[in-house]
């Protein structure tokens, strides 16, 4: 896993994701507006799943089986033209997280805004900080280079499982820090 596959990099670049381990102090430890039970669970359950999602992205891969639906649908416009449908179930999501973390082994996500809960949807604005470990295609930055990038995750949670995942990240900020050069290979 030292070198990430192109599709994985594309996923990271378009919507590399993660949430944070804590709600910001300004939220008073509670979800923001529109918190209400949905037809398949409760706002409290959505908060629990969201906390576990954060822990998954911060490296606890064992949580994938507990919070990811076998039928999860990842929705993203990938650089390779894919739509995110290659990620299948809990194992696929844990593999995706692991592949991304292999380039940034100490990557840590924190919440800037949220979670905002609206029915069965949860939205979180996050910031990721870590150190580049190498293996990112086209990157000319030296291993050890600090990185910081931001994004937003939107999750649909039904019956305590994440069934849909929309990705959005500031890829320009990340590739600029990594000094990525375009490849002329085809």
C-alpha atoms as a PDB file:
ATOM      1  CA  UNK A   1       0.000   0.000   0.000  1.00  0.00           C
ATOM      2  CA  UNK A   2       3.004   2.335  -0.159  1.00  0.00           C
ATOM      3  CA  UNK A   3       1.836   3.710  -3.500  1.00  0.00           C
ATOM      4  CA  UNK A   4      -1.822   4.585  -3.920  1.00  0.00           C
ATOM      5  CA  UNK A   5      -3.790   3.410  -6.908  1.00  0.00           C
ATOM      6  CA  UNK A   6      -4.908   6.119  -9.352  1.00  0.00           C
ATOM      7  CA  UNK A   7      -8.606   5.540  -8.596  1.00  0.00           C
ATOM      8  CA  UNK A   8      -7.954   5.904  -4.874  1.00  0.00           C
ATOM      9  CA  UNK A   9      -6.056   9.125  -5.444  1.00  0.00           C
ATOM     10  CA  UNK A  10      -8.911  10.371  -7.589  1.00  0.00           C
ATOM     11  CA  UNK A  11     -11.325   9.599  -4.774  1.00  0.00           C
ATOM     12  CA  UNK A  12      -9.147  11.493  -2.324  1.00  0.00           C
ATOM     13  CA  UNK A  13      -8.704  14.428  -4.673  1.00  0.00           C
ATOM     14  CA  UNK A  14     -12.370  14.853  -5.415  1.00  0.00           C
ATOM     15  CA  UNK A  15     -13.757  14.025  -2.034  1.00  0.00           C
ATOM     16  CA  UNK A  16     -11.211  12.758   0.402  1.00  0.00           C
ATOM     17  CA  UNK A  17     -13.122  12.568   3.518  1.00  0.00           C
ATOM     18  CA  UNK A  18     -13.327  12.313   7.142  1.00  0.00           C
ATOM     19  CA  UNK A  19     -14.990  13.798  10.082  1.00  0.00           C
ATOM     20  CA  UNK A  20     -13.764  14.894  13.417  1.00  0.00           C
ATOM     21  CA  UNK A  21     -13.600  13.346  16.809  1.00  0.00           C
ATOM     22  CA  UNK A  22     -15.496  16.110  18.548  1.00  0.00           C
ATOM     23  CA  UNK A  23     -18.178  18.686  17.955  1.00  0.00           C
ATOM     24  CA  UNK A  24     -16.752  22.220  18.217  1.00  0.00           C
ATOM     25  CA  UNK A  25     -17.263  24.051  21.486  1.00  0.00           C
ATOM     26  CA  UNK A  26     -19.471  26.593  19.718  1.00  0.00           C
ATOM     27  CA  UNK A  27     -21.994  23.809  19.127  1.00  0.00           C
ATOM     28  CA  UNK A  28     -22.308  23.167  22.837  1.00  0.00           C
ATOM     29  CA  UNK A  29     -21.710  19.445  22.264  1.00  0.00           C
ATOM     30  CA  UNK A  30     -24.974  19.087  20.357  1.00  0.00           C
ATOM     31  CA  UNK A  31     -25.926  18.842  16.711  1.00  0.00           C
ATOM     32  CA  UNK A  32     -26.991  22.028  14.969  1.00  0.00           C
ATOM     33  CA  UNK A  33     -30.381  23.036  13.546  1.00  0.00           C
ATOM     34  CA  UNK A  34     -32.846  20.593  12.060  1.00  0.00           C
ATOM     35  CA  UNK A  35     -32.024  17.887  14.591  1.00  0.00           C
ATOM     36  CA  UNK A  36     -34.997  15.594  14.555  1.00  0.00           C
ATOM     37  CA  UNK A  37     -35.674  11.888  14.473  1.00  0.00           C
ATOM     38  CA  UNK A  38     -35.987  10.332  11.040  1.00  0.00           C
ATOM     39  CA  UNK A  39     -38.282   7.495  10.054  1.00  0.00           C
ATOM     40  CA  UNK A  40     -35.495   4.941  10.607  1.00  0.00           C
ATOM     41  CA  UNK A  41     -33.766   6.083  13.792  1.00  0.00           C
ATOM     42  CA  UNK A  42     -33.011   9.042  15.976  1.00  0.00           C
ATOM     43  CA  UNK A  43     -30.841  12.123  15.965  1.00  0.00           C
ATOM     44  CA  UNK A  44     -28.913  10.578  18.876  1.00  0.00           C
ATOM     45  CA  UNK A  45     -28.230   7.487  16.796  1.00  0.00           C
ATOM     46  CA  UNK A  46     -27.033   9.693  13.913  1.00  0.00           C
ATOM     47  CA  UNK A  47     -24.610  11.428  16.283  1.00  0.00           C
ATOM     48  CA  UNK A  48     -23.257   8.051  17.473  1.00  0.00           C
ATOM     49  CA  UNK A  49     -22.748   6.827  13.907  1.00  0.00           C
ATOM     50  CA  UNK A  50     -21.097  10.135  13.002  1.00  0.00           C
ATOM     51  CA  UNK A  51     -18.665   9.825  15.926  1.00  0.00           C
ATOM     52  CA  UNK A  52     -17.764   6.301  14.784  1.00  0.00           C
ATOM     53  CA  UNK A  53     -17.346   7.588  11.194  1.00  0.00           C
ATOM     54  CA  UNK A  54     -14.834  10.111  12.498  1.00  0.00           C
ATOM     55  CA  UNK A  55     -12.953   7.387  14.349  1.00  0.00           C
ATOM     56  CA  UNK A  56     -12.904   5.244  11.191  1.00  0.00           C
ATOM     57  CA  UNK A  57     -11.299   8.068   9.217  1.00  0.00           C
ATOM     58  CA  UNK A  58      -8.873   8.697  12.051  1.00  0.00           C
ATOM     59  CA  UNK A  59      -7.652   5.094  11.715  1.00  0.00           C
ATOM     60  CA  UNK A  60     -10.005   2.727  13.590  1.00  0.00           C
ATOM     61  CA  UNK A  61     -10.863   0.445  10.647  1.00  0.00           C
ATOM     62  CA  UNK A  62     -12.714  -2.025  12.867  1.00  0.00           C
ATOM     63  CA  UNK A  63     -15.671   0.367  13.026  1.00  0.00           C
ATOM     64  CA  UNK A  64     -16.503  -0.054   9.326  1.00  0.00           C
ATOM     65  CA  UNK A  65     -18.415  -3.306   9.926  1.00  0.00           C
ATOM     66  CA  UNK A  66     -20.516  -1.590  12.585  1.00  0.00           C
ATOM     67  CA  UNK A  67     -21.493   1.575  10.704  1.00  0.00           C
ATOM     68  CA  UNK A  68     -21.262   0.964   6.935  1.00  0.00           C
ATOM     69  CA  UNK A  69     -24.140  -0.643   5.053  1.00  0.00           C
ATOM     70  CA  UNK A  70     -23.268  -3.600   2.820  1.00  0.00           C
ATOM     71  CA  UNK A  71     -25.020  -1.595   0.082  1.00  0.00           C
ATOM     72  CA  UNK A  72     -23.280   1.733   0.754  1.00  0.00           C
ATOM     73  CA  UNK A  73     -23.208   4.044  -2.223  1.00  0.00           C
ATOM     74  CA  UNK A  74     -20.267   6.407  -2.571  1.00  0.00           C
ATOM     75  CA  UNK A  75     -21.155   9.378  -4.762  1.00  0.00           C
ATOM     76  CA  UNK A  76     -18.300  11.331  -6.281  1.00  0.00           C
ATOM     77  CA  UNK A  77     -17.115  12.668  -9.605  1.00  0.00           C
ATOM     78  CA  UNK A  78     -13.699  11.016  -9.723  1.00  0.00           C
ATOM     79  CA  UNK A  79     -10.775  12.309 -11.759  1.00  0.00           C
ATOM     80  CA  UNK A  80     -10.544   8.985 -13.577  1.00  0.00           C
ATOM     81  CA  UNK A  81     -14.154   9.351 -14.708  1.00  0.00           C
ATOM     82  CA  UNK A  82     -15.530   6.921 -12.127  1.00  0.00           C
ATOM     83  CA  UNK A  83     -18.531   7.646  -9.970  1.00  0.00           C
ATOM     84  CA  UNK A  84     -17.462   6.085  -6.655  1.00  0.00           C
ATOM     85  CA  UNK A  85     -19.383   2.862  -7.279  1.00  0.00           C
ATOM     86  CA  UNK A  86     -16.192   0.763  -6.971  1.00  0.00           C
ATOM     87  CA  UNK A  87     -16.302   1.103  -3.166  1.00  0.00           C
ATOM     88  CA  UNK A  88     -18.343  -1.863  -1.918  1.00  0.00           C
ATOM     89  CA  UNK A  89     -19.556  -2.363   1.645  1.00  0.00           C
ATOM     90  CA  UNK A  90     -17.705  -2.020   4.935  1.00  0.00           C
ATOM     91  CA  UNK A  91     -14.518  -3.710   3.667  1.00  0.00           C
ATOM     92  CA  UNK A  92     -14.373  -1.430   0.630  1.00  0.00           C
ATOM     93  CA  UNK A  93     -14.781   1.663   2.786  1.00  0.00           C
ATOM     94  CA  UNK A  94     -12.099   0.487   5.261  1.00  0.00           C
ATOM     95  CA  UNK A  95      -9.787  -0.236   2.317  1.00  0.00           C
ATOM     96  CA  UNK A  96     -10.396   3.248   0.897  1.00  0.00           C
ATOM     97  CA  UNK A  97      -9.598   4.881   4.237  1.00  0.00           C
ATOM     98  CA  UNK A  98      -6.490   2.700   4.608  1.00  0.00           C
ATOM     99  CA  UNK A  99      -5.222   3.528   1.139  1.00  0.00           C
ATOM    100  CA  UNK A 100      -5.619   7.250   1.729  1.00  0.00           C
ATOM    101  CA  UNK A 101      -3.988   7.050   5.142  1.00  0.00           C
ATOM    102  CA  UNK A 102      -1.017   5.175   3.641  1.00  0.00           C
ATOM    103  CA  UNK A 103       0.102   8.472   2.039  1.00  0.00           C
ATOM    104  CA  UNK A 104      -0.648  10.428   5.237  1.00  0.00           C
ATOM    105  CA  UNK A 105      -0.198   7.964   8.124  1.00  0.00           C
ATOM    106  CA  UNK A 106      -0.817  10.503  10.901  1.00  0.00           C
ATOM    107  CA  UNK A 107      -3.760  12.218   9.199  1.00  0.00           C
ATOM    108  CA  UNK A 108      -6.252  13.568  11.733  1.00  0.00           C
ATOM    109  CA  UNK A 109      -9.642  15.105  11.046  1.00  0.00           C
ATOM    110  CA  UNK A 110     -11.457  17.664  13.181  1.00  0.00           C
ATOM    111  CA  UNK A 111     -14.872  19.240  12.761  1.00  0.00           C
ATOM    112  CA  UNK A 112     -15.154  22.923  11.838  1.00  0.00           C
ATOM    113  CA  UNK A 113     -18.961  22.913  11.431  1.00  0.00           C
ATOM    114  CA  UNK A 114     -21.511  20.328  12.472  1.00  0.00           C
ATOM    115  CA  UNK A 115     -22.713  17.779  12.661  1.00  0.00           C
ATOM    116  CA  UNK A 116     -25.836  19.204  11.109  1.00  0.00           C
ATOM    117  CA  UNK A 117     -28.606  16.605  11.217  1.00  0.00           C
ATOM    118  CA  UNK A 118     -31.662  16.844   8.987  1.00  0.00           C
ATOM    119  CA  UNK A 119     -33.791  13.719   9.024  1.00  0.00           C
ATOM    120  CA  UNK A 120     -31.574  10.850   7.908  1.00  0.00           C
ATOM    121  CA  UNK A 121     -28.828  13.144   6.549  1.00  0.00           C
ATOM    122  CA  UNK A 122     -25.750  14.348   8.448  1.00  0.00           C
ATOM    123  CA  UNK A 123     -23.392  17.046   7.159  1.00  0.00           C
ATOM    124  CA  UNK A 124     -19.977  17.890   8.590  1.00  0.00           C
ATOM    125  CA  UNK A 125     -17.378  20.428   7.468  1.00  0.00           C
ATOM    126  CA  UNK A 126     -13.911  19.131   8.410  1.00  0.00           C
ATOM    127  CA  UNK A 127     -10.237  20.004   8.357  1.00  0.00           C
ATOM    128  CA  UNK A 128      -7.513  17.380   7.957  1.00  0.00           C
ATOM    129  CA  UNK A 129      -3.959  17.800   9.237  1.00  0.00           C
ATOM    130  CA  UNK A 130      -1.087  15.382   8.839  1.00  0.00           C
ATOM    131  CA  UNK A 131       2.297  14.644   7.398  1.00  0.00           C
ATOM    132  CA  UNK A 132       2.959  13.425   3.866  1.00  0.00           C
ATOM    133  CA  UNK A 133       4.544   9.969   3.983  1.00  0.00           C
ATOM    134  CA  UNK A 134       5.200   9.500   0.258  1.00  0.00           C
ATOM    135  CA  UNK A 135       3.510   7.544  -2.516  1.00  0.00           C
ATOM    136  CA  UNK A 136       1.107  10.166  -3.886  1.00  0.00           C
ATOM    137  CA  UNK A 137       1.250  10.056  -7.717  1.00  0.00           C
ATOM    138  CA  UNK A 138       2.880  13.138  -9.178  1.00  0.00           C
ATOM    139  CA  UNK A 139       3.837  14.594  -5.775  1.00  0.00           C
ATOM    140  CA  UNK A 140       7.264  16.198  -5.625  1.00  0.00           C
ATOM    141  CA  UNK A 141       6.991  17.310  -1.981  1.00  0.00           C
ATOM    142  CA  UNK A 142       9.401  15.561   0.346  1.00  0.00           C
ATOM    143  CA  UNK A 143       8.077  12.982   2.806  1.00  0.00           C
ATOM    144  CA  UNK A 144       7.568  14.751   6.104  1.00  0.00           C
ATOM    145  CA  UNK A 145       5.856  17.757   4.469  1.00  0.00           C
ATOM    146  CA  UNK A 146       2.951  18.936   6.642  1.00  0.00           C
ATOM    147  CA  UNK A 147      -0.458  19.015   4.927  1.00  0.00           C
ATOM    148  CA  UNK A 148      -3.755  20.674   5.779  1.00  0.00           C
ATOM    149  CA  UNK A 149      -6.903  20.502   3.658  1.00  0.00           C
ATOM    150  CA  UNK A 150     -10.633  20.876   4.165  1.00  0.00           C
ATOM    151  CA  UNK A 151     -13.871  19.344   2.980  1.00  0.00           C
ATOM    152  CA  UNK A 152     -17.471  18.443   3.643  1.00  0.00           C
ATOM    153  CA  UNK A 153     -19.059  15.021   4.098  1.00  0.00           C
ATOM    154  CA  UNK A 154     -22.742  14.337   3.658  1.00  0.00           C
ATOM    155  CA  UNK A 155     -23.968  10.993   4.960  1.00  0.00           C
ATOM    156  CA  UNK A 156     -27.344   9.278   4.797  1.00  0.00           C
ATOM    157  CA  UNK A 157     -27.902   7.094   7.856  1.00  0.00           C
ATOM    158  CA  UNK A 158     -30.680   4.521   7.890  1.00  0.00           C
ATOM    159  CA  UNK A 159     -31.251   1.968  10.634  1.00  0.00           C
ATOM    160  CA  UNK A 160     -27.922   2.909  12.183  1.00  0.00           C
ATOM    161  CA  UNK A 161     -25.862   2.332   9.015  1.00  0.00           C
ATOM    162  CA  UNK A 162     -24.337   4.730   6.493  1.00  0.00           C
ATOM    163  CA  UNK A 163     -26.077   3.980   3.204  1.00  0.00           C
ATOM    164  CA  UNK A 164     -24.898   6.948   1.117  1.00  0.00           C
ATOM    165  CA  UNK A 165     -21.755   9.058   1.209  1.00  0.00           C
ATOM    166  CA  UNK A 166     -21.247  12.269  -0.785  1.00  0.00           C
ATOM    167  CA  UNK A 167     -17.658  13.533  -1.023  1.00  0.00           C
ATOM    168  CA  UNK A 168     -16.288  17.064  -1.355  1.00  0.00           C
ATOM    169  CA  UNK A 169     -12.742  18.286  -0.551  1.00  0.00           C
ATOM    170  CA  UNK A 170     -10.444  21.188  -1.389  1.00  0.00           C
ATOM    171  CA  UNK A 171      -8.185  19.248  -3.725  1.00  0.00           C
ATOM    172  CA  UNK A 172      -6.367  22.279  -5.069  1.00  0.00           C
ATOM    173  CA  UNK A 173      -5.102  23.070  -1.578  1.00  0.00           C
ATOM    174  CA  UNK A 174      -3.863  19.496  -1.082  1.00  0.00           C
ATOM    175  CA  UNK A 175      -2.143  19.034  -4.455  1.00  0.00           C
ATOM    176  CA  UNK A 176      -0.523  22.474  -4.118  1.00  0.00           C
ATOM    177  CA  UNK A 177       1.023  21.461  -0.794  1.00  0.00           C
ATOM    178  CA  UNK A 178       2.197  18.172  -2.302  1.00  0.00           C
ATOM    179  CA  UNK A 179       3.642  19.998  -5.339  1.00  0.00           C
ATOM    180  CA  UNK A 180       1.866  17.595  -7.673  1.00  0.00           C
ATOM    181  CA  UNK A 181       2.977  17.715 -11.293  1.00  0.00           C
ATOM    182  CA  UNK A 182       0.816  16.519 -14.137  1.00  0.00           C
ATOM    183  CA  UNK A 183       1.798  13.225 -15.716  1.00  0.00           C
ATOM    184  CA  UNK A 184       2.261  13.049 -19.476  1.00  0.00           C
ATOM    185  CA  UNK A 185       1.885   9.237 -19.483  1.00  0.00           C
ATOM    186  CA  UNK A 186      -1.263   7.829 -21.042  1.00  0.00           C
END
